[in-house]
Structures are given as C-alpha cells and as structure tokens.
PDB file of all heavy atoms in Angstrom:
ATOM      1  N   SER A   1    -130.602  94.916 -54.198  1.00  0.00           N
ATOM      2  CA  SER A   1    -129.979  94.656 -52.897  1.00  0.00           C
ATOM      3  C   SER A   1    -129.141  93.383 -52.948  1.00  0.00           C
ATOM      4  O   SER A   1    -128.020  93.338 -52.430  1.00  0.00           O
ATOM      5  CB  SER A   1    -131.064  94.528 -51.820  1.00  0.00           C
ATOM      6  OG  SER A   1    -130.492  94.183 -50.578  1.00  0.00           O
ATOM      7  N   VAL A   2    -129.671  92.342 -53.591  1.00  0.00           N
ATOM      8  CA  VAL A   2    -128.918  91.094 -53.734  1.00  0.00           C
ATOM      9  C   VAL A   2    -127.668  91.330 -54.578  1.00  0.00           C
ATOM     10  O   VAL A   2    -126.577  90.842 -54.256  1.00  0.00           O
ATOM     11  CB  VAL A   2    -129.799  89.993 -54.368  1.00  0.00           C
ATOM     12  CG1 VAL A   2    -128.959  88.780 -54.748  1.00  0.00           C
ATOM     13  CG2 VAL A   2    -130.908  89.583 -53.404  1.00  0.00           C
ATOM     14  N   LEU A   3    -127.812  92.083 -55.665  1.00  0.00           N
ATOM     15  CA  LEU A   3    -126.659  92.359 -56.529  1.00  0.00           C
ATOM     16  C   LEU A   3    -125.599  93.170 -55.786  1.00  0.00           C
ATOM     17  O   LEU A   3    -124.399  92.938 -55.969  1.00  0.00           O
ATOM     18  CB  LEU A   3    -127.117  93.123 -57.780  1.00  0.00           C
ATOM     19  CG  LEU A   3    -128.030  92.365 -58.744  1.00  0.00           C
ATOM     20  CD1 LEU A   3    -128.532  93.294 -59.841  1.00  0.00           C
ATOM     21  CD2 LEU A   3    -127.304  91.168 -59.350  1.00  0.00           C
ATOM     22  N   ARG A   4    -126.050  94.089 -54.952  1.00  0.00           N
ATOM     23  CA  ARG A   4    -125.111  94.945 -54.225  1.00  0.00           C
ATOM     24  C   ARG A   4    -124.366  94.175 -53.141  1.00  0.00           C
ATOM     25  O   ARG A   4    -123.156  94.355 -52.937  1.00  0.00           O
ATOM     26  CB  ARG A   4    -125.881  96.121 -53.606  1.00  0.00           C
ATOM     27  CG  ARG A   4    -124.990  97.132 -52.890  1.00  0.00           C
ATOM     28  CD  ARG A   4    -125.793  98.322 -52.389  1.00  0.00           C
ATOM     29  NE  ARG A   4    -126.805  97.937 -51.408  1.00  0.00           N
ATOM     30  CZ  ARG A   4    -128.106  97.865 -51.667  1.00  0.00           C
ATOM     31  NH1 ARG A   4    -128.557  98.150 -52.884  1.00  0.00           N
ATOM     32  NH2 ARG A   4    -128.961  97.523 -50.727  1.00  0.00           N
ATOM     33  N   THR A   5    -125.089  93.306 -52.433  1.00  0.00           N
ATOM     34  CA  THR A   5    -124.482  92.587 -51.300  1.00  0.00           C
ATOM     35  C   THR A   5    -123.906  91.237 -51.696  1.00  0.00           C
ATOM     36  O   THR A   5    -123.164  90.629 -50.926  1.00  0.00           O
ATOM     37  CB  THR A   5    -125.526  92.372 -50.202  1.00  0.00           C
ATOM     38  OG1 THR A   5    -126.607  91.562 -50.713  1.00  0.00           O
ATOM     39  CG2 THR A   5    -126.080  93.703 -49.712  1.00  0.00           C
ATOM     40  N   GLY A   6    -124.260  90.768 -52.911  1.00  0.00           N
ATOM     41  CA  GLY A   6    -123.815  89.430 -53.307  1.00  0.00           C
ATOM     42  C   GLY A   6    -124.455  88.352 -52.456  1.00  0.00           C
ATOM     43  O   GLY A   6    -123.845  87.306 -52.207  1.00  0.00           O
ATOM     44  N   ASP A   7    -125.697  88.609 -52.027  1.00  0.00           N
ATOM     45  CA  ASP A   7    -126.365  87.702 -51.092  1.00  0.00           C
ATOM     46  C   ASP A   7    -126.928  86.482 -51.813  1.00  0.00           C
ATOM     47  O   ASP A   7    -128.139  86.314 -51.973  1.00  0.00           O
ATOM     48  CB  ASP A   7    -127.484  88.449 -50.365  1.00  0.00           C
ATOM     49  CG  ASP A   7    -128.003  87.691 -49.146  1.00  0.00           C
ATOM     50  OD1 ASP A   7    -127.329  86.730 -48.732  1.00  0.00           O
ATOM     51  OD2 ASP A   7    -129.069  88.062 -48.626  1.00  0.00           O
ATOM     52  N   VAL A   8    -126.032  85.628 -52.284  1.00  0.00           N
ATOM     53  CA  VAL A   8    -126.403  84.368 -52.924  1.00  0.00           C
ATOM     54  C   VAL A   8    -125.367  83.328 -52.521  1.00  0.00           C
ATOM     55  O   VAL A   8    -124.181  83.634 -52.397  1.00  0.00           O
ATOM     56  CB  VAL A   8    -126.449  84.515 -54.468  1.00  0.00           C
ATOM     57  CG1 VAL A   8    -125.112  84.990 -55.018  1.00  0.00           C
ATOM     58  CG2 VAL A   8    -126.844  83.205 -55.132  1.00  0.00           C
ATOM     59  N   HIS A   9    -125.825  82.129 -52.233  1.00  0.00           N
ATOM     60  CA  HIS A   9    -124.852  81.059 -52.010  1.00  0.00           C
ATOM     61  C   HIS A   9    -125.224  79.876 -52.886  1.00  0.00           C
ATOM     62  O   HIS A   9    -126.384  79.708 -53.266  1.00  0.00           O
ATOM     63  CB  HIS A   9    -124.754  80.677 -50.523  1.00  0.00           C
ATOM     64  CG  HIS A   9    -125.929  79.901 -50.008  1.00  0.00           C
ATOM     65  ND1 HIS A   9    -126.983  80.497 -49.355  1.00  0.00           N
ATOM     66  CD2 HIS A   9    -126.205  78.572 -50.039  1.00  0.00           C
ATOM     67  CE1 HIS A   9    -127.862  79.577 -49.000  1.00  0.00           C
ATOM     68  NE2 HIS A   9    -127.428  78.410 -49.404  1.00  0.00           N
ATOM     69  N   MET A  10    -124.210  79.086 -53.197  1.00  0.00           N
ATOM     70  CA  MET A  10    -124.399  78.000 -54.151  1.00  0.00           C
ATOM     71  C   MET A  10    -124.392  76.649 -53.444  1.00  0.00           C
ATOM     72  O   MET A  10    -123.642  76.431 -52.488  1.00  0.00           O
ATOM     73  CB  MET A  10    -123.292  78.017 -55.206  1.00  0.00           C
ATOM     74  CG  MET A  10    -123.124  79.356 -55.915  1.00  0.00           C
ATOM     75  SD  MET A  10    -124.629  79.987 -56.716  1.00  0.00           S
ATOM     76  CE  MET A  10    -124.882  78.706 -57.977  1.00  0.00           C
ATOM     77  N   VAL A  11    -125.268  75.787 -53.936  1.00  0.00           N
ATOM     78  CA  VAL A  11    -125.227  74.381 -53.548  1.00  0.00           C
ATOM     79  C   VAL A  11    -124.938  73.587 -54.819  1.00  0.00           C
ATOM     80  O   VAL A  11    -125.143  74.077 -55.928  1.00  0.00           O
ATOM     81  CB  VAL A  11    -126.550  73.938 -52.889  1.00  0.00           C
ATOM     82  CG1 VAL A  11    -126.730  74.625 -51.546  1.00  0.00           C
ATOM     83  CG2 VAL A  11    -127.746  74.214 -53.795  1.00  0.00           C
ATOM     84  N   TYR A  12    -124.462  72.379 -54.644  1.00  0.00           N
ATOM     85  CA  TYR A  12    -124.001  71.586 -55.782  1.00  0.00           C
ATOM     86  C   TYR A  12    -124.618  70.194 -55.702  1.00  0.00           C
ATOM     87  O   TYR A  12    -124.489  69.513 -54.683  1.00  0.00           O
ATOM     88  CB  TYR A  12    -122.473  71.500 -55.794  1.00  0.00           C
ATOM     89  CG  TYR A  12    -121.802  72.850 -55.907  1.00  0.00           C
ATOM     90  CD1 TYR A  12    -121.635  73.656 -54.781  1.00  0.00           C
ATOM     91  CD2 TYR A  12    -121.352  73.327 -57.131  1.00  0.00           C
ATOM     92  CE1 TYR A  12    -121.030  74.899 -54.872  1.00  0.00           C
ATOM     93  CE2 TYR A  12    -120.748  74.568 -57.235  1.00  0.00           C
ATOM     94  CZ  TYR A  12    -120.587  75.359 -56.102  1.00  0.00           C
ATOM     95  OH  TYR A  12    -119.984  76.599 -56.201  1.00  0.00           O
ATOM     96  N   GLN A  13    -125.296  69.798 -56.774  1.00  0.00           N
ATOM     97  CA  GLN A  13    -125.915  68.473 -56.804  1.00  0.00           C
ATOM     98  C   GLN A  13    -125.110  67.552 -57.719  1.00  0.00           C
ATOM     99  O   GLN A  13    -124.855  67.902 -58.877  1.00  0.00           O
ATOM    100  CB  GLN A  13    -127.360  68.552 -57.290  1.00  0.00           C
ATOM    101  CG  GLN A  13    -128.086  67.210 -57.207  1.00  0.00           C
ATOM    102  CD  GLN A  13    -129.575  67.330 -57.514  1.00  0.00           C
ATOM    103  OE1 GLN A  13    -129.990  68.196 -58.266  1.00  0.00           O
ATOM    104  NE2 GLN A  13    -130.383  66.448 -56.923  1.00  0.00           N
ATOM    105  N   PRO A  14    -124.722  66.376 -57.222  1.00  0.00           N
ATOM    106  CA  PRO A  14    -123.891  65.481 -58.037  1.00  0.00           C
ATOM    107  C   PRO A  14    -124.674  64.798 -59.158  1.00  0.00           C
ATOM    108  O   PRO A  14    -125.857  64.501 -59.023  1.00  0.00           O
ATOM    109  CB  PRO A  14    -123.391  64.454 -57.017  1.00  0.00           C
ATOM    110  CG  PRO A  14    -124.419  64.459 -55.933  1.00  0.00           C
ATOM    111  CD  PRO A  14    -124.932  65.857 -55.859  1.00  0.00           C
ATOM    112  N   VAL A  15    -123.996  64.597 -60.258  1.00  0.00           N
ATOM    113  CA  VAL A  15    -124.501  63.803 -61.382  1.00  0.00           C
ATOM    114  C   VAL A  15    -123.604  62.571 -61.477  1.00  0.00           C
ATOM    115  O   VAL A  15    -122.375  62.692 -61.583  1.00  0.00           O
ATOM    116  CB  VAL A  15    -124.459  64.597 -62.699  1.00  0.00           C
ATOM    117  CG1 VAL A  15    -124.891  63.730 -63.869  1.00  0.00           C
ATOM    118  CG2 VAL A  15    -125.333  65.845 -62.594  1.00  0.00           C
ATOM    119  N   PHE A  16    -124.227  61.393 -61.421  1.00  0.00           N
ATOM    120  CA  PHE A  16    -123.464  60.148 -61.338  1.00  0.00           C
ATOM    121  C   PHE A  16    -123.417  59.399 -62.658  1.00  0.00           C
ATOM    122  O   PHE A  16    -124.364  59.416 -63.443  1.00  0.00           O
ATOM    123  CB  PHE A  16    -124.100  59.211 -60.292  1.00  0.00           C
ATOM    124  CG  PHE A  16    -123.896  59.643 -58.877  1.00  0.00           C
ATOM    125  CD1 PHE A  16    -124.792  60.490 -58.258  1.00  0.00           C
ATOM    126  CD2 PHE A  16    -122.799  59.191 -58.155  1.00  0.00           C
ATOM    127  CE1 PHE A  16    -124.614  60.890 -56.947  1.00  0.00           C
ATOM    128  CE2 PHE A  16    -122.606  59.579 -56.848  1.00  0.00           C
ATOM    129  CZ  PHE A  16    -123.512  60.427 -56.239  1.00  0.00           C
ATOM    130  N   ARG A  17    -122.290  58.728 -62.865  1.00  0.00           N
ATOM    131  CA  ARG A  17    -122.191  57.702 -63.911  1.00  0.00           C
ATOM    132  C   ARG A  17    -122.749  56.414 -63.327  1.00  0.00           C
ATOM    133  O   ARG A  17    -122.283  55.927 -62.298  1.00  0.00           O
ATOM    134  CB  ARG A  17    -120.744  57.478 -64.333  1.00  0.00           C
ATOM    135  CG  ARG A  17    -120.126  58.612 -65.134  1.00  0.00           C
ATOM    136  CD  ARG A  17    -118.729  58.204 -65.621  1.00  0.00           C
ATOM    137  NE  ARG A  17    -118.807  57.056 -66.510  1.00  0.00           N
ATOM    138  CZ  ARG A  17    -118.875  57.138 -67.833  1.00  0.00           C
ATOM    139  NH1 ARG A  17    -118.867  58.325 -68.410  1.00  0.00           N
ATOM    140  NH2 ARG A  17    -118.939  56.064 -68.581  1.00  0.00           N
ATOM    141  N   LEU A  18    -123.751  55.863 -63.973  1.00  0.00           N
ATOM    142  CA  LEU A  18    -124.399  54.676 -63.423  1.00  0.00           C
ATOM    143  C   LEU A  18    -123.650  53.396 -63.760  1.00  0.00           C
ATOM    144  O   LEU A  18    -123.850  52.370 -63.107  1.00  0.00           O
ATOM    145  CB  LEU A  18    -125.840  54.583 -63.956  1.00  0.00           C
ATOM    146  CG  LEU A  18    -126.739  55.791 -63.625  1.00  0.00           C
ATOM    147  CD1 LEU A  18    -128.147  55.560 -64.157  1.00  0.00           C
ATOM    148  CD2 LEU A  18    -126.755  56.055 -62.135  1.00  0.00           C
ATOM    149  N   ASP A  19    -122.767  53.467 -64.759  1.00  0.00           N
ATOM    150  CA  ASP A  19    -122.028  52.248 -65.106  1.00  0.00           C
ATOM    151  C   ASP A  19    -120.849  52.016 -64.172  1.00  0.00           C
ATOM    152  O   ASP A  19    -120.274  50.937 -64.150  1.00  0.00           O
ATOM    153  CB  ASP A  19    -121.535  52.308 -66.562  1.00  0.00           C
ATOM    154  CG  ASP A  19    -120.743  53.573 -66.866  1.00  0.00           C
ATOM    155  OD1 ASP A  19    -120.540  54.389 -65.950  1.00  0.00           O
ATOM    156  OD2 ASP A  19    -120.342  53.736 -68.029  1.00  0.00           O
ATOM    157  N   GLY A  20    -120.491  53.053 -63.381  1.00  0.00           N
ATOM    158  CA  GLY A  20    -119.393  52.848 -62.449  1.00  0.00           C
ATOM    159  C   GLY A  20    -119.590  53.532 -61.125  1.00  0.00           C
ATOM    160  O   GLY A  20    -118.748  53.455 -60.242  1.00  0.00           O
ATOM    161  N   SER A  21    -120.711  54.213 -60.990  1.00  0.00           N
ATOM    162  CA  SER A  21    -121.112  54.876 -59.747  1.00  0.00           C
ATOM    163  C   SER A  21    -120.294  56.103 -59.404  1.00  0.00           C
ATOM    164  O   SER A  21    -120.430  56.648 -58.313  1.00  0.00           O
ATOM    165  CB  SER A  21    -121.034  53.889 -58.563  1.00  0.00           C
ATOM    166  OG  SER A  21    -121.802  52.748 -58.832  1.00  0.00           O
ATOM    167  N   GLN A  22    -119.442  56.586 -60.308  1.00  0.00           N
ATOM    168  CA  GLN A  22    -118.643  57.770 -59.995  1.00  0.00           C
ATOM    169  C   GLN A  22    -119.457  59.054 -60.172  1.00  0.00           C
ATOM    170  O   GLN A  22    -120.396  59.105 -60.966  1.00  0.00           O
ATOM    171  CB  GLN A  22    -117.407  57.862 -60.903  1.00  0.00           C
ATOM    172  CG  GLN A  22    -116.399  56.757 -60.710  1.00  0.00           C
ATOM    173  CD  GLN A  22    -116.661  55.585 -61.667  1.00  0.00           C
ATOM    174  OE1 GLN A  22    -117.632  55.605 -62.415  1.00  0.00           O
ATOM    175  NE2 GLN A  22    -115.785  54.603 -61.628  1.00  0.00           N
ATOM    176  N   VAL A  23    -119.037  60.078 -59.428  1.00  0.00           N
ATOM    177  CA  VAL A  23    -119.603  61.408 -59.650  1.00  0.00           C
ATOM    178  C   VAL A  23    -118.990  61.967 -60.919  1.00  0.00           C
ATOM    179  O   VAL A  23    -117.774  62.157 -60.997  1.00  0.00           O
ATOM    180  CB  VAL A  23    -119.328  62.349 -58.460  1.00  0.00           C
ATOM    181  CG1 VAL A  23    -119.876  63.740 -58.749  1.00  0.00           C
ATOM    182  CG2 VAL A  23    -119.950  61.797 -57.182  1.00  0.00           C
ATOM    183  N   GLU A  24    -119.818  62.220 -61.920  1.00  0.00           N
ATOM    184  CA  GLU A  24    -119.338  62.747 -63.202  1.00  0.00           C
ATOM    185  C   GLU A  24    -119.046  64.245 -63.092  1.00  0.00           C
ATOM    186  O   GLU A  24    -118.011  64.731 -63.526  1.00  0.00           O
ATOM    187  CB  GLU A  24    -120.388  62.492 -64.279  1.00  0.00           C
ATOM    188  CG  GLU A  24    -120.043  63.056 -65.642  1.00  0.00           C
ATOM    189  CD  GLU A  24    -119.319  62.048 -66.497  1.00  0.00           C
ATOM    190  OE1 GLU A  24    -118.877  61.009 -65.978  1.00  0.00           O
ATOM    191  OE2 GLU A  24    -119.202  62.290 -67.696  1.00  0.00           O
ATOM    192  N   PHE A  25    -120.009  64.991 -62.539  1.00  0.00           N
ATOM    193  CA  PHE A  25    -119.832  66.423 -62.300  1.00  0.00           C
ATOM    194  C   PHE A  25    -120.882  66.861 -61.299  1.00  0.00           C
ATOM    195  O   PHE A  25    -121.717  66.063 -60.854  1.00  0.00           O
ATOM    196  CB  PHE A  25    -119.922  67.232 -63.611  1.00  0.00           C
ATOM    197  CG  PHE A  25    -121.252  67.176 -64.313  1.00  0.00           C
ATOM    198  CD1 PHE A  25    -122.258  68.115 -64.047  1.00  0.00           C
ATOM    199  CD2 PHE A  25    -121.528  66.192 -65.269  1.00  0.00           C
ATOM    200  CE1 PHE A  25    -123.478  68.077 -64.697  1.00  0.00           C
ATOM    201  CE2 PHE A  25    -122.748  66.150 -65.933  1.00  0.00           C
ATOM    202  CZ  PHE A  25    -123.728  67.095 -65.655  1.00  0.00           C
ATOM    203  N   VAL A  26    -120.829  68.125 -60.905  1.00  0.00           N
ATOM    204  CA  VAL A  26    -121.839  68.667 -59.997  1.00  0.00           C
ATOM    205  C   VAL A  26    -122.512  69.864 -60.662  1.00  0.00           C
ATOM    206  O   VAL A  26    -121.856  70.645 -61.360  1.00  0.00           O
ATOM    207  CB  VAL A  26    -121.242  69.070 -58.636  1.00  0.00           C
ATOM    208  CG1 VAL A  26    -120.816  67.852 -57.847  1.00  0.00           C
ATOM    209  CG2 VAL A  26    -120.074  70.047 -58.803  1.00  0.00           C
ATOM    210  N   GLU A  27    -123.826  69.980 -60.469  1.00  0.00           N
ATOM    211  CA  GLU A  27    -124.561  71.131 -60.991  1.00  0.00           C
ATOM    212  C   GLU A  27    -124.672  72.189 -59.911  1.00  0.00           C
ATOM    213  O   GLU A  27    -125.118  71.919 -58.792  1.00  0.00           O
ATOM    214  CB  GLU A  27    -125.962  70.722 -61.453  1.00  0.00           C
ATOM    215  CG  GLU A  27    -126.766  71.908 -61.979  1.00  0.00           C
ATOM    216  CD  GLU A  27    -128.175  71.540 -62.417  1.00  0.00           C
ATOM    217  OE1 GLU A  27    -128.547  70.347 -62.330  1.00  0.00           O
ATOM    218  OE2 GLU A  27    -128.910  72.454 -62.853  1.00  0.00           O
ATOM    219  N   ALA A  28    -124.265  73.409 -60.227  1.00  0.00           N
ATOM    220  CA  ALA A  28    -124.338  74.523 -59.284  1.00  0.00           C
ATOM    221  C   ALA A  28    -125.734  75.130 -59.320  1.00  0.00           C
ATOM    222  O   ALA A  28    -126.263  75.457 -60.395  1.00  0.00           O
ATOM    223  CB  ALA A  28    -123.303  75.585 -59.646  1.00  0.00           C
ATOM    224  N   LEU A  29    -126.324  75.277 -58.147  1.00  0.00           N
ATOM    225  CA  LEU A  29    -127.681  75.810 -58.030  1.00  0.00           C
ATOM    226  C   LEU A  29    -127.683  76.951 -57.021  1.00  0.00           C
ATOM    227  O   LEU A  29    -127.134  76.821 -55.923  1.00  0.00           O
ATOM    228  CB  LEU A  29    -128.642  74.698 -57.579  1.00  0.00           C
ATOM    229  CG  LEU A  29    -128.737  73.493 -58.528  1.00  0.00           C
ATOM    230  CD1 LEU A  29    -129.407  72.322 -57.824  1.00  0.00           C
ATOM    231  CD2 LEU A  29    -129.497  73.865 -59.793  1.00  0.00           C
ATOM    232  N   ALA A  30    -128.303  78.055 -57.390  1.00  0.00           N
ATOM    233  CA  ALA A  30    -128.296  79.246 -56.544  1.00  0.00           C
ATOM    234  C   ALA A  30    -129.369  79.163 -55.467  1.00  0.00           C
ATOM    235  O   ALA A  30    -130.462  78.651 -55.682  1.00  0.00           O
ATOM    236  CB  ALA A  30    -128.522  80.494 -57.392  1.00  0.00           C
ATOM    237  N   ARG A  31    -129.047  79.698 -54.300  1.00  0.00           N
ATOM    238  CA  ARG A  31    -129.988  79.838 -53.201  1.00  0.00           C
ATOM    239  C   ARG A  31    -129.884  81.278 -52.678  1.00  0.00           C
ATOM    240  O   ARG A  31    -128.790  81.812 -52.541  1.00  0.00           O
ATOM    241  CB  ARG A  31    -129.691  78.847 -52.072  1.00  0.00           C
ATOM    242  CG  ARG A  31    -129.810  77.386 -52.499  1.00  0.00           C
ATOM    243  CD  ARG A  31    -131.250  77.026 -52.793  1.00  0.00           C
ATOM    244  NE  ARG A  31    -131.417  75.609 -53.116  1.00  0.00           N
ATOM    245  CZ  ARG A  31    -131.462  75.121 -54.356  1.00  0.00           C
ATOM    246  NH1 ARG A  31    -131.324  75.963 -55.391  1.00  0.00           N
ATOM    247  NH2 ARG A  31    -131.643  73.833 -54.561  1.00  0.00           N
ATOM    248  N   PHE A  32    -131.041  81.871 -52.401  1.00  0.00           N
ATOM    249  CA  PHE A  32    -131.088  83.257 -51.961  1.00  0.00           C
ATOM    250  C   PHE A  32    -131.638  83.314 -50.539  1.00  0.00           C
ATOM    251  O   PHE A  32    -132.836  83.100 -50.327  1.00  0.00           O
ATOM    252  CB  PHE A  32    -131.955  84.088 -52.904  1.00  0.00           C
ATOM    253  CG  PHE A  32    -131.437  84.111 -54.316  1.00  0.00           C
ATOM    254  CD1 PHE A  32    -131.853  83.167 -55.247  1.00  0.00           C
ATOM    255  CD2 PHE A  32    -130.500  85.061 -54.711  1.00  0.00           C
ATOM    256  CE1 PHE A  32    -131.376  83.174 -56.545  1.00  0.00           C
ATOM    257  CE2 PHE A  32    -130.012  85.074 -56.009  1.00  0.00           C
ATOM    258  CZ  PHE A  32    -130.441  84.133 -56.931  1.00  0.00           C
ATOM    259  N   PRO A  33    -130.802  83.616 -49.567  1.00  0.00           N
ATOM    260  CA  PRO A  33    -131.250  83.628 -48.173  1.00  0.00           C
ATOM    261  C   PRO A  33    -132.064  84.854 -47.784  1.00  0.00           C
ATOM    262  O   PRO A  33    -132.641  84.904 -46.702  1.00  0.00           O
ATOM    263  CB  PRO A  33    -129.933  83.585 -47.389  1.00  0.00           C
ATOM    264  CG  PRO A  33    -128.924  84.194 -48.308  1.00  0.00           C
ATOM    265  CD  PRO A  33    -129.346  83.812 -49.697  1.00  0.00           C
ATOM    266  N   SER A  34    -132.139  85.857 -48.662  1.00  0.00           N
ATOM    267  CA  SER A  34    -132.864  87.088 -48.325  1.00  0.00           C
ATOM    268  C   SER A  34    -134.321  86.785 -48.008  1.00  0.00           C
ATOM    269  O   SER A  34    -134.937  85.918 -48.626  1.00  0.00           O
ATOM    270  CB  SER A  34    -132.800  88.079 -49.493  1.00  0.00           C
ATOM    271  OG  SER A  34    -131.474  88.451 -49.765  1.00  0.00           O
ATOM    272  N   LYS A  35    -134.860  87.518 -47.043  1.00  0.00           N
ATOM    273  CA  LYS A  35    -136.258  87.358 -46.670  1.00  0.00           C
ATOM    274  C   LYS A  35    -137.092  88.477 -47.296  1.00  0.00           C
ATOM    275  O   LYS A  35    -136.618  89.578 -47.493  1.00  0.00           O
ATOM    276  CB  LYS A  35    -136.394  87.381 -45.149  1.00  0.00           C
ATOM    277  CG  LYS A  35    -135.732  86.187 -44.475  1.00  0.00           C
ATOM    278  CD  LYS A  35    -135.924  86.223 -42.978  1.00  0.00           C
ATOM    279  CE  LYS A  35    -135.267  85.010 -42.316  1.00  0.00           C
ATOM    280  NZ  LYS A  35    -135.432  85.034 -40.847  1.00  0.00           N
ATOM    281  N   PRO A  36    -138.368  88.197 -47.644  1.00  0.00           N
ATOM    282  CA  PRO A  36    -139.060  86.920 -47.488  1.00  0.00           C
ATOM    283  C   PRO A  36    -138.537  85.880 -48.469  1.00  0.00           C
ATOM    284  O   PRO A  36    -138.046  86.217 -49.544  1.00  0.00           O
ATOM    285  CB  PRO A  36    -140.515  87.266 -47.805  1.00  0.00           C
ATOM    286  CG  PRO A  36    -140.425  88.435 -48.720  1.00  0.00           C
ATOM    287  CD  PRO A  36    -139.238  89.225 -48.269  1.00  0.00           C
ATOM    288  N   TYR A  37    -138.660  84.609 -48.085  1.00  0.00           N
ATOM    289  CA  TYR A  37    -138.097  83.535 -48.895  1.00  0.00           C
ATOM    290  C   TYR A  37    -138.893  83.350 -50.185  1.00  0.00           C
ATOM    291  O   TYR A  37    -140.126  83.399 -50.185  1.00  0.00           O
ATOM    292  CB  TYR A  37    -138.106  82.222 -48.113  1.00  0.00           C
ATOM    293  CG  TYR A  37    -137.681  81.044 -48.975  1.00  0.00           C
ATOM    294  CD1 TYR A  37    -136.339  80.815 -49.242  1.00  0.00           C
ATOM    295  CD2 TYR A  37    -138.633  80.208 -49.548  1.00  0.00           C
ATOM    296  CE1 TYR A  37    -135.945  79.775 -50.061  1.00  0.00           C
ATOM    297  CE2 TYR A  37    -138.246  79.157 -50.370  1.00  0.00           C
ATOM    298  CZ  TYR A  37    -136.899  78.939 -50.616  1.00  0.00           C
ATOM    299  OH  TYR A  37    -136.522  77.910 -51.439  1.00  0.00           O
ATOM    300  N   HIS A  38    -138.149  83.113 -51.262  1.00  0.00           N
ATOM    301  CA  HIS A  38    -138.761  82.743 -52.537  1.00  0.00           C
ATOM    302  C   HIS A  38    -137.884  81.680 -53.181  1.00  0.00           C
ATOM    303  O   HIS A  38    -136.668  81.664 -53.012  1.00  0.00           O
ATOM    304  CB  HIS A  38    -138.875  83.946 -53.472  1.00  0.00           C
ATOM    305  CG  HIS A  38    -139.830  84.992 -52.996  1.00  0.00           C
ATOM    306  ND1 HIS A  38    -141.193  84.864 -53.115  1.00  0.00           N
ATOM    307  CD2 HIS A  38    -139.617  86.162 -52.352  1.00  0.00           C
ATOM    308  CE1 HIS A  38    -141.780  85.916 -52.578  1.00  0.00           C
ATOM    309  NE2 HIS A  38    -140.840  86.713 -52.114  1.00  0.00           N
ATOM    310  N   ALA A  39    -138.520  80.777 -53.904  1.00  0.00           N
ATOM    311  CA  ALA A  39    -137.774  79.736 -54.609  1.00  0.00           C
ATOM    312  C   ALA A  39    -136.788  80.388 -55.578  1.00  0.00           C
ATOM    313  O   ALA A  39    -137.063  81.466 -56.124  1.00  0.00           O
ATOM    314  CB  ALA A  39    -138.734  78.819 -55.362  1.00  0.00           C
ATOM    315  N   PRO A  40    -135.643  79.752 -55.816  1.00  0.00           N
ATOM    316  CA  PRO A  40    -134.636  80.345 -56.718  1.00  0.00           C
ATOM    317  C   PRO A  40    -135.193  80.711 -58.086  1.00  0.00           C
ATOM    318  O   PRO A  40    -134.885  81.793 -58.612  1.00  0.00           O
ATOM    319  CB  PRO A  40    -133.583  79.235 -56.815  1.00  0.00           C
ATOM    320  CG  PRO A  40    -133.712  78.477 -55.536  1.00  0.00           C
ATOM    321  CD  PRO A  40    -135.172  78.486 -55.209  1.00  0.00           C
ATOM    322  N   ASP A  41    -136.022  79.837 -58.671  1.00  0.00           N
ATOM    323  CA  ASP A  41    -136.579  80.137 -59.995  1.00  0.00           C
ATOM    324  C   ASP A  41    -137.353  81.445 -59.975  1.00  0.00           C
ATOM    325  O   ASP A  41    -137.327  82.214 -60.940  1.00  0.00           O
ATOM    326  CB  ASP A  41    -137.486  79.005 -60.468  1.00  0.00           C
ATOM    327  CG  ASP A  41    -136.713  77.772 -60.901  1.00  0.00           C
ATOM    328  OD1 ASP A  41    -135.469  77.843 -60.959  1.00  0.00           O
ATOM    329  OD2 ASP A  41    -137.350  76.734 -61.163  1.00  0.00           O
TER     330      ASP A  41
END
C-alpha cells in the first residue's frame, strides 16, 4: 500500500562543521504516516 501510494515523506537533519558552524550537508530520513504508527526502522 505504501509502495502504491508513495505514502512516505522525508525529513532532513543537518550535519554541521564544528570548526566554522556551517551546515555541511543534510541526512534524509524517511517517515511513514500510515496508521498504525511504526518507527521508520
């Protein structure tokens, strides 16, 4: 059902350079809103 509907949305967590405080890149993490809720893993 998830594959058919594409029912996934992405959140992005920043990874910082500590020597200059810049955002180096963001990690994309999947979230599944389908019920019942289950952790992405």
